Amino acid sequence: MLTLTVDQRRDLKARAHPLNATVMIGSAGLTEAVLEEIARSLNSHELIKIRVMSDDRAGRAAILEQICERLNAAAVQHIGKILVVYRPSPDMPIKKPARRKGKPATKKMLGSRN
């Protein structure tokens, strides 16, 4: 299973935010056909969202773990029924997040974040 640093995970969450779910897992659960579809989606997109129609949170976490183990992918995020999975293509390395340049944020700038 692929592991990500905190900065990489944060960058991937930001990239995944506007995406729509490309694969849906229904009542039949995680079948071989669904795994093949997830693998195809990861090959073409690297970062995908998966919607799981189950109401069992522990079951969804187990599905995410199985997907990551079987496809050598990384779990980016699990919010509700949406799973975000990342697997880099072999010819493209993981991008490092851009670092902010300039002055650090002041208290006044941070005040609007509360």
N, C-alpha and C. Protein backbone atom coordinates (compact mmCIF):
# COMPACT_ATOMS: atom_id res chain seq x y z
N MET A 1 0.84 -1.17 0.00
CA MET A 1 0.00 0.00 0.00
C MET A 1 0.89 1.24 0.00
N LEU A 2 0.52 2.22 -0.77
CA LEU A 2 1.26 3.46 -0.93
C LEU A 2 1.02 4.37 0.28
N THR A 3 2.05 5.05 0.75
CA THR A 3 1.88 5.98 1.86
C THR A 3 2.18 7.40 1.38
N LEU A 4 1.53 8.36 1.99
CA LEU A 4 1.67 9.76 1.61
C LEU A 4 2.11 10.58 2.81
N THR A 5 2.83 11.66 2.54
CA THR A 5 3.17 12.59 3.61
C THR A 5 1.95 13.48 3.88
N VAL A 6 2.00 14.22 4.96
CA VAL A 6 0.90 15.11 5.31
C VAL A 6 0.72 16.18 4.24
N ASP A 7 1.82 16.73 3.74
CA ASP A 7 1.74 17.77 2.71
C ASP A 7 1.16 17.22 1.41
N GLN A 8 1.56 16.01 1.02
CA GLN A 8 1.02 15.40 -0.19
C GLN A 8 -0.48 15.14 -0.04
N ARG A 9 -0.88 14.64 1.13
CA ARG A 9 -2.29 14.36 1.38
C ARG A 9 -3.12 15.65 1.31
N ARG A 10 -2.61 16.73 1.89
CA ARG A 10 -3.30 18.01 1.86
C ARG A 10 -3.45 18.52 0.43
N ASP A 11 -2.40 18.38 -0.36
CA ASP A 11 -2.45 18.81 -1.76
C ASP A 11 -3.45 17.98 -2.55
N LEU A 12 -3.46 16.68 -2.31
CA LEU A 12 -4.39 15.80 -3.03
C LEU A 12 -5.84 16.06 -2.62
N LYS A 13 -6.08 16.37 -1.36
CA LYS A 13 -7.44 16.72 -0.92
C LYS A 13 -7.93 17.95 -1.66
N ALA A 14 -7.06 18.94 -1.81
CA ALA A 14 -7.44 20.15 -2.53
C ALA A 14 -7.72 19.86 -3.99
N ARG A 15 -6.91 18.98 -4.60
CA ARG A 15 -7.15 18.62 -6.00
C ARG A 15 -8.42 17.81 -6.17
N ALA A 16 -8.80 17.03 -5.16
CA ALA A 16 -9.97 16.15 -5.26
C ALA A 16 -11.27 16.88 -4.99
N HIS A 17 -11.21 18.02 -4.34
CA HIS A 17 -12.43 18.72 -3.94
C HIS A 17 -13.43 18.93 -5.08
N PRO A 18 -13.03 19.44 -6.25
CA PRO A 18 -14.02 19.68 -7.31
C PRO A 18 -14.42 18.43 -8.11
N LEU A 19 -13.79 17.29 -7.86
CA LEU A 19 -14.07 16.09 -8.64
C LEU A 19 -15.44 15.49 -8.29
N ASN A 20 -16.03 14.83 -9.26
CA ASN A 20 -17.24 14.04 -9.02
C ASN A 20 -16.84 12.58 -8.87
N ALA A 21 -17.69 11.79 -8.23
CA ALA A 21 -17.41 10.37 -8.05
C ALA A 21 -17.39 9.68 -9.41
N THR A 22 -16.33 8.91 -9.68
CA THR A 22 -16.21 8.22 -10.96
C THR A 22 -16.67 6.78 -10.87
N VAL A 23 -16.62 6.20 -9.68
CA VAL A 23 -17.02 4.81 -9.48
C VAL A 23 -18.00 4.76 -8.31
N MET A 24 -19.03 3.94 -8.43
CA MET A 24 -19.98 3.75 -7.34
C MET A 24 -20.02 2.28 -6.95
N ILE A 25 -19.98 2.03 -5.66
CA ILE A 25 -20.05 0.67 -5.14
C ILE A 25 -21.43 0.49 -4.54
N GLY A 26 -22.20 -0.44 -5.10
CA GLY A 26 -23.57 -0.65 -4.68
C GLY A 26 -23.71 -1.71 -3.61
N SER A 27 -24.89 -2.31 -3.57
CA SER A 27 -25.21 -3.28 -2.53
C SER A 27 -24.42 -4.58 -2.67
N ALA A 28 -23.88 -4.87 -3.86
CA ALA A 28 -23.10 -6.09 -4.06
C ALA A 28 -21.72 -5.97 -3.42
N GLY A 29 -21.31 -4.78 -3.06
CA GLY A 29 -20.03 -4.59 -2.40
C GLY A 29 -18.88 -4.49 -3.37
N LEU A 30 -17.71 -4.76 -2.89
CA LEU A 30 -16.48 -4.65 -3.67
C LEU A 30 -16.25 -5.95 -4.43
N THR A 31 -16.66 -6.00 -5.67
CA THR A 31 -16.49 -7.19 -6.50
C THR A 31 -15.26 -7.02 -7.39
N GLU A 32 -14.88 -8.08 -8.07
CA GLU A 32 -13.73 -8.02 -8.98
C GLU A 32 -13.98 -7.02 -10.11
N ALA A 33 -15.21 -6.96 -10.61
CA ALA A 33 -15.54 -6.01 -11.68
C ALA A 33 -15.38 -4.57 -11.21
N VAL A 34 -15.78 -4.30 -9.98
CA VAL A 34 -15.64 -2.95 -9.43
C VAL A 34 -14.16 -2.62 -9.24
N LEU A 35 -13.37 -3.57 -8.76
CA LEU A 35 -11.93 -3.35 -8.61
C LEU A 35 -11.26 -3.06 -9.95
N GLU A 36 -11.67 -3.77 -10.99
CA GLU A 36 -11.11 -3.52 -12.32
C GLU A 36 -11.47 -2.12 -12.81
N GLU A 37 -12.70 -1.69 -12.54
CA GLU A 37 -13.12 -0.35 -12.95
C GLU A 37 -12.34 0.72 -12.18
N ILE A 38 -12.12 0.49 -10.90
CA ILE A 38 -11.33 1.43 -10.10
C ILE A 38 -9.90 1.49 -10.63
N ALA A 39 -9.32 0.35 -10.97
CA ALA A 39 -7.96 0.31 -11.52
C ALA A 39 -7.89 1.08 -12.83
N ARG A 40 -8.90 0.91 -13.70
CA ARG A 40 -8.92 1.66 -14.97
C ARG A 40 -9.01 3.15 -14.71
N SER A 41 -9.85 3.55 -13.78
CA SER A 41 -10.00 4.97 -13.46
C SER A 41 -8.72 5.54 -12.88
N LEU A 42 -8.04 4.80 -12.03
CA LEU A 42 -6.78 5.27 -11.45
C LEU A 42 -5.70 5.39 -12.52
N ASN A 43 -5.70 4.47 -13.49
CA ASN A 43 -4.71 4.54 -14.56
C ASN A 43 -4.89 5.80 -15.40
N SER A 44 -6.12 6.21 -15.61
CA SER A 44 -6.35 7.36 -16.47
C SER A 44 -6.41 8.68 -15.71
N HIS A 45 -6.75 8.66 -14.43
CA HIS A 45 -6.93 9.92 -13.70
C HIS A 45 -6.00 10.12 -12.50
N GLU A 46 -5.41 9.07 -11.98
CA GLU A 46 -4.55 9.08 -10.79
C GLU A 46 -5.30 9.35 -9.49
N LEU A 47 -6.22 10.29 -9.48
CA LEU A 47 -6.94 10.69 -8.28
C LEU A 47 -8.43 10.58 -8.57
N ILE A 48 -9.13 9.74 -7.80
CA ILE A 48 -10.55 9.53 -8.06
C ILE A 48 -11.35 9.56 -6.76
N LYS A 49 -12.65 9.81 -6.94
CA LYS A 49 -13.60 9.70 -5.84
C LYS A 49 -14.46 8.47 -6.09
N ILE A 50 -14.77 7.77 -5.01
CA ILE A 50 -15.60 6.57 -5.08
C ILE A 50 -16.75 6.76 -4.11
N ARG A 51 -17.97 6.53 -4.58
CA ARG A 51 -19.14 6.63 -3.71
C ARG A 51 -19.56 5.21 -3.32
N VAL A 52 -19.71 5.00 -2.01
CA VAL A 52 -20.14 3.71 -1.48
C VAL A 52 -21.56 3.87 -0.96
N MET A 53 -22.47 3.04 -1.43
CA MET A 53 -23.88 3.18 -1.07
C MET A 53 -24.24 2.51 0.26
N SER A 54 -23.29 1.99 0.98
CA SER A 54 -23.54 1.33 2.26
C SER A 54 -23.68 2.37 3.37
N ASP A 55 -24.50 2.06 4.37
CA ASP A 55 -24.66 2.93 5.52
C ASP A 55 -23.71 2.58 6.66
N ASP A 56 -22.96 1.50 6.52
CA ASP A 56 -22.06 1.01 7.56
C ASP A 56 -20.69 1.69 7.44
N ARG A 57 -20.36 2.56 8.39
CA ARG A 57 -19.10 3.30 8.32
C ARG A 57 -17.89 2.37 8.40
N ALA A 58 -17.95 1.39 9.28
CA ALA A 58 -16.84 0.45 9.40
C ALA A 58 -16.66 -0.36 8.12
N GLY A 59 -17.78 -0.69 7.48
CA GLY A 59 -17.72 -1.40 6.20
C GLY A 59 -17.08 -0.56 5.11
N ARG A 60 -17.39 0.74 5.10
CA ARG A 60 -16.78 1.63 4.11
C ARG A 60 -15.28 1.77 4.35
N ALA A 61 -14.88 1.82 5.62
CA ALA A 61 -13.45 1.90 5.94
C ALA A 61 -12.73 0.62 5.51
N ALA A 62 -13.39 -0.51 5.69
CA ALA A 62 -12.80 -1.78 5.26
C ALA A 62 -12.67 -1.85 3.74
N ILE A 63 -13.68 -1.32 3.04
CA ILE A 63 -13.62 -1.29 1.57
C ILE A 63 -12.46 -0.42 1.11
N LEU A 64 -12.28 0.74 1.75
CA LEU A 64 -11.16 1.62 1.40
C LEU A 64 -9.83 0.93 1.63
N GLU A 65 -9.71 0.23 2.72
CA GLU A 65 -8.48 -0.50 3.03
C GLU A 65 -8.21 -1.59 1.98
N GLN A 66 -9.25 -2.32 1.60
CA GLN A 66 -9.10 -3.37 0.59
C GLN A 66 -8.67 -2.79 -0.75
N ILE A 67 -9.29 -1.69 -1.15
CA ILE A 67 -8.95 -1.07 -2.43
C ILE A 67 -7.47 -0.67 -2.43
N CYS A 68 -7.04 -0.04 -1.36
CA CYS A 68 -5.65 0.43 -1.29
C CYS A 68 -4.65 -0.72 -1.28
N GLU A 69 -4.97 -1.79 -0.59
CA GLU A 69 -4.06 -2.94 -0.54
C GLU A 69 -4.00 -3.67 -1.88
N ARG A 70 -5.14 -3.91 -2.48
CA ARG A 70 -5.18 -4.71 -3.71
C ARG A 70 -4.67 -3.95 -4.93
N LEU A 71 -4.81 -2.61 -4.94
CA LEU A 71 -4.41 -1.84 -6.11
C LEU A 71 -3.15 -1.01 -5.89
N ASN A 72 -2.50 -1.19 -4.74
CA ASN A 72 -1.30 -0.43 -4.39
C ASN A 72 -1.56 1.08 -4.53
N ALA A 73 -2.60 1.53 -3.87
CA ALA A 73 -3.00 2.93 -3.92
C ALA A 73 -2.93 3.51 -2.50
N ALA A 74 -3.17 4.82 -2.41
CA ALA A 74 -3.15 5.49 -1.12
C ALA A 74 -4.52 6.06 -0.82
N ALA A 75 -4.95 5.90 0.41
CA ALA A 75 -6.20 6.50 0.86
C ALA A 75 -5.93 7.97 1.18
N VAL A 76 -6.62 8.85 0.48
CA VAL A 76 -6.43 10.28 0.70
C VAL A 76 -7.43 10.78 1.73
N GLN A 77 -8.70 10.37 1.57
CA GLN A 77 -9.74 10.92 2.43
C GLN A 77 -10.94 9.98 2.46
N HIS A 78 -11.65 9.99 3.59
CA HIS A 78 -12.90 9.23 3.73
C HIS A 78 -13.86 10.13 4.48
N ILE A 79 -14.79 10.73 3.74
CA ILE A 79 -15.79 11.60 4.35
C ILE A 79 -17.16 11.06 3.97
N GLY A 80 -17.91 10.62 4.96
CA GLY A 80 -19.24 10.08 4.70
C GLY A 80 -19.16 8.88 3.78
N LYS A 81 -19.89 8.95 2.68
CA LYS A 81 -19.92 7.84 1.74
C LYS A 81 -18.95 8.02 0.58
N ILE A 82 -18.10 9.04 0.66
CA ILE A 82 -17.15 9.33 -0.40
C ILE A 82 -15.74 8.93 0.03
N LEU A 83 -15.08 8.15 -0.82
CA LEU A 83 -13.69 7.75 -0.60
C LEU A 83 -12.84 8.42 -1.68
N VAL A 84 -11.70 8.95 -1.31
CA VAL A 84 -10.78 9.53 -2.28
C VAL A 84 -9.52 8.67 -2.28
N VAL A 85 -9.15 8.20 -3.48
CA VAL A 85 -8.03 7.28 -3.62
C VAL A 85 -7.05 7.84 -4.65
N TYR A 86 -5.75 7.65 -4.39
CA TYR A 86 -4.71 8.15 -5.28
C TYR A 86 -3.71 7.04 -5.58
N ARG A 87 -3.35 6.94 -6.84
CA ARG A 87 -2.26 6.06 -7.27
C ARG A 87 -1.55 6.77 -8.41
N PRO A 88 -0.26 7.12 -8.23
CA PRO A 88 0.43 7.85 -9.29
C PRO A 88 0.67 6.96 -10.50
N SER A 89 0.67 7.58 -11.66
CA SER A 89 1.02 6.82 -12.85
C SER A 89 2.53 6.58 -12.82
N PRO A 90 3.01 5.50 -13.42
CA PRO A 90 4.43 5.17 -13.31
C PRO A 90 5.35 6.23 -13.92
N ASP A 91 4.89 6.96 -14.91
CA ASP A 91 5.76 7.93 -15.57
C ASP A 91 5.67 9.33 -14.98
N MET A 92 4.78 9.56 -13.99
CA MET A 92 4.66 10.89 -13.38
C MET A 92 4.87 10.77 -11.87
N PRO A 93 5.92 11.41 -11.32
CA PRO A 93 6.14 11.35 -9.88
C PRO A 93 5.13 12.22 -9.14
N ILE A 94 5.02 12.01 -7.83
CA ILE A 94 4.13 12.82 -7.01
C ILE A 94 4.67 14.24 -6.95
N LYS A 95 3.80 15.19 -7.21
CA LYS A 95 4.20 16.59 -7.18
C LYS A 95 4.34 17.04 -5.73
N LYS A 96 5.36 17.83 -5.49
CA LYS A 96 5.52 18.42 -4.16
C LYS A 96 4.63 19.65 -4.10
N PRO A 97 3.99 19.89 -2.97
CA PRO A 97 3.13 21.07 -2.87
C PRO A 97 3.95 22.34 -2.95
N ALA A 98 3.35 23.36 -3.53
CA ALA A 98 4.03 24.64 -3.66
C ALA A 98 4.16 25.28 -2.28
N ARG A 99 5.30 25.83 -2.01
CA ARG A 99 5.52 26.49 -0.73
C ARG A 99 5.23 27.96 -0.88
N ARG A 100 4.63 28.52 0.15
CA ARG A 100 4.35 29.96 0.15
C ARG A 100 5.64 30.73 0.31
N LYS A 101 5.77 31.76 -0.47
CA LYS A 101 6.93 32.63 -0.35
C LYS A 101 6.46 33.97 0.17
N GLY A 102 7.34 34.65 0.85
CA GLY A 102 6.98 35.97 1.34
C GLY A 102 6.89 35.99 2.84
N LYS A 103 6.19 36.99 3.32
CA LYS A 103 6.07 37.20 4.76
C LYS A 103 5.10 36.20 5.38
N PRO A 104 5.33 35.84 6.63
CA PRO A 104 4.36 34.97 7.31
C PRO A 104 3.07 35.73 7.59
N ALA A 105 2.01 35.00 7.79
CA ALA A 105 0.70 35.61 8.05
C ALA A 105 0.70 36.35 9.37
N THR A 106 0.06 37.51 9.38
CA THR A 106 -0.04 38.31 10.60
C THR A 106 -1.28 37.91 11.38
N LYS A 107 -1.40 38.40 12.62
CA LYS A 107 -2.59 38.10 13.42
C LYS A 107 -3.84 38.66 12.77
N LYS A 108 -3.71 39.80 12.14
CA LYS A 108 -4.85 40.41 11.47
C LYS A 108 -5.33 39.54 10.30
N MET A 109 -4.37 39.00 9.56
CA MET A 109 -4.72 38.13 8.43
C MET A 109 -5.38 36.84 8.92
N LEU A 110 -4.89 36.31 10.03
CA LEU A 110 -5.43 35.07 10.58
C LEU A 110 -6.76 35.27 11.29
N GLY A 111 -7.08 36.50 11.67
CA GLY A 111 -8.32 36.77 12.40
C GLY A 111 -9.56 36.41 11.63
N SER A 112 -9.53 36.50 10.31
CA SER A 112 -10.72 36.19 9.52
C SER A 112 -10.95 34.70 9.37
N ARG A 113 -10.02 33.88 9.80
CA ARG A 113 -10.13 32.42 9.65
C ARG A 113 -10.96 31.79 10.75
N ASN A 114 -11.27 32.50 11.80
CA ASN A 114 -12.02 31.91 12.92
C ASN A 114 -13.46 31.80 12.63
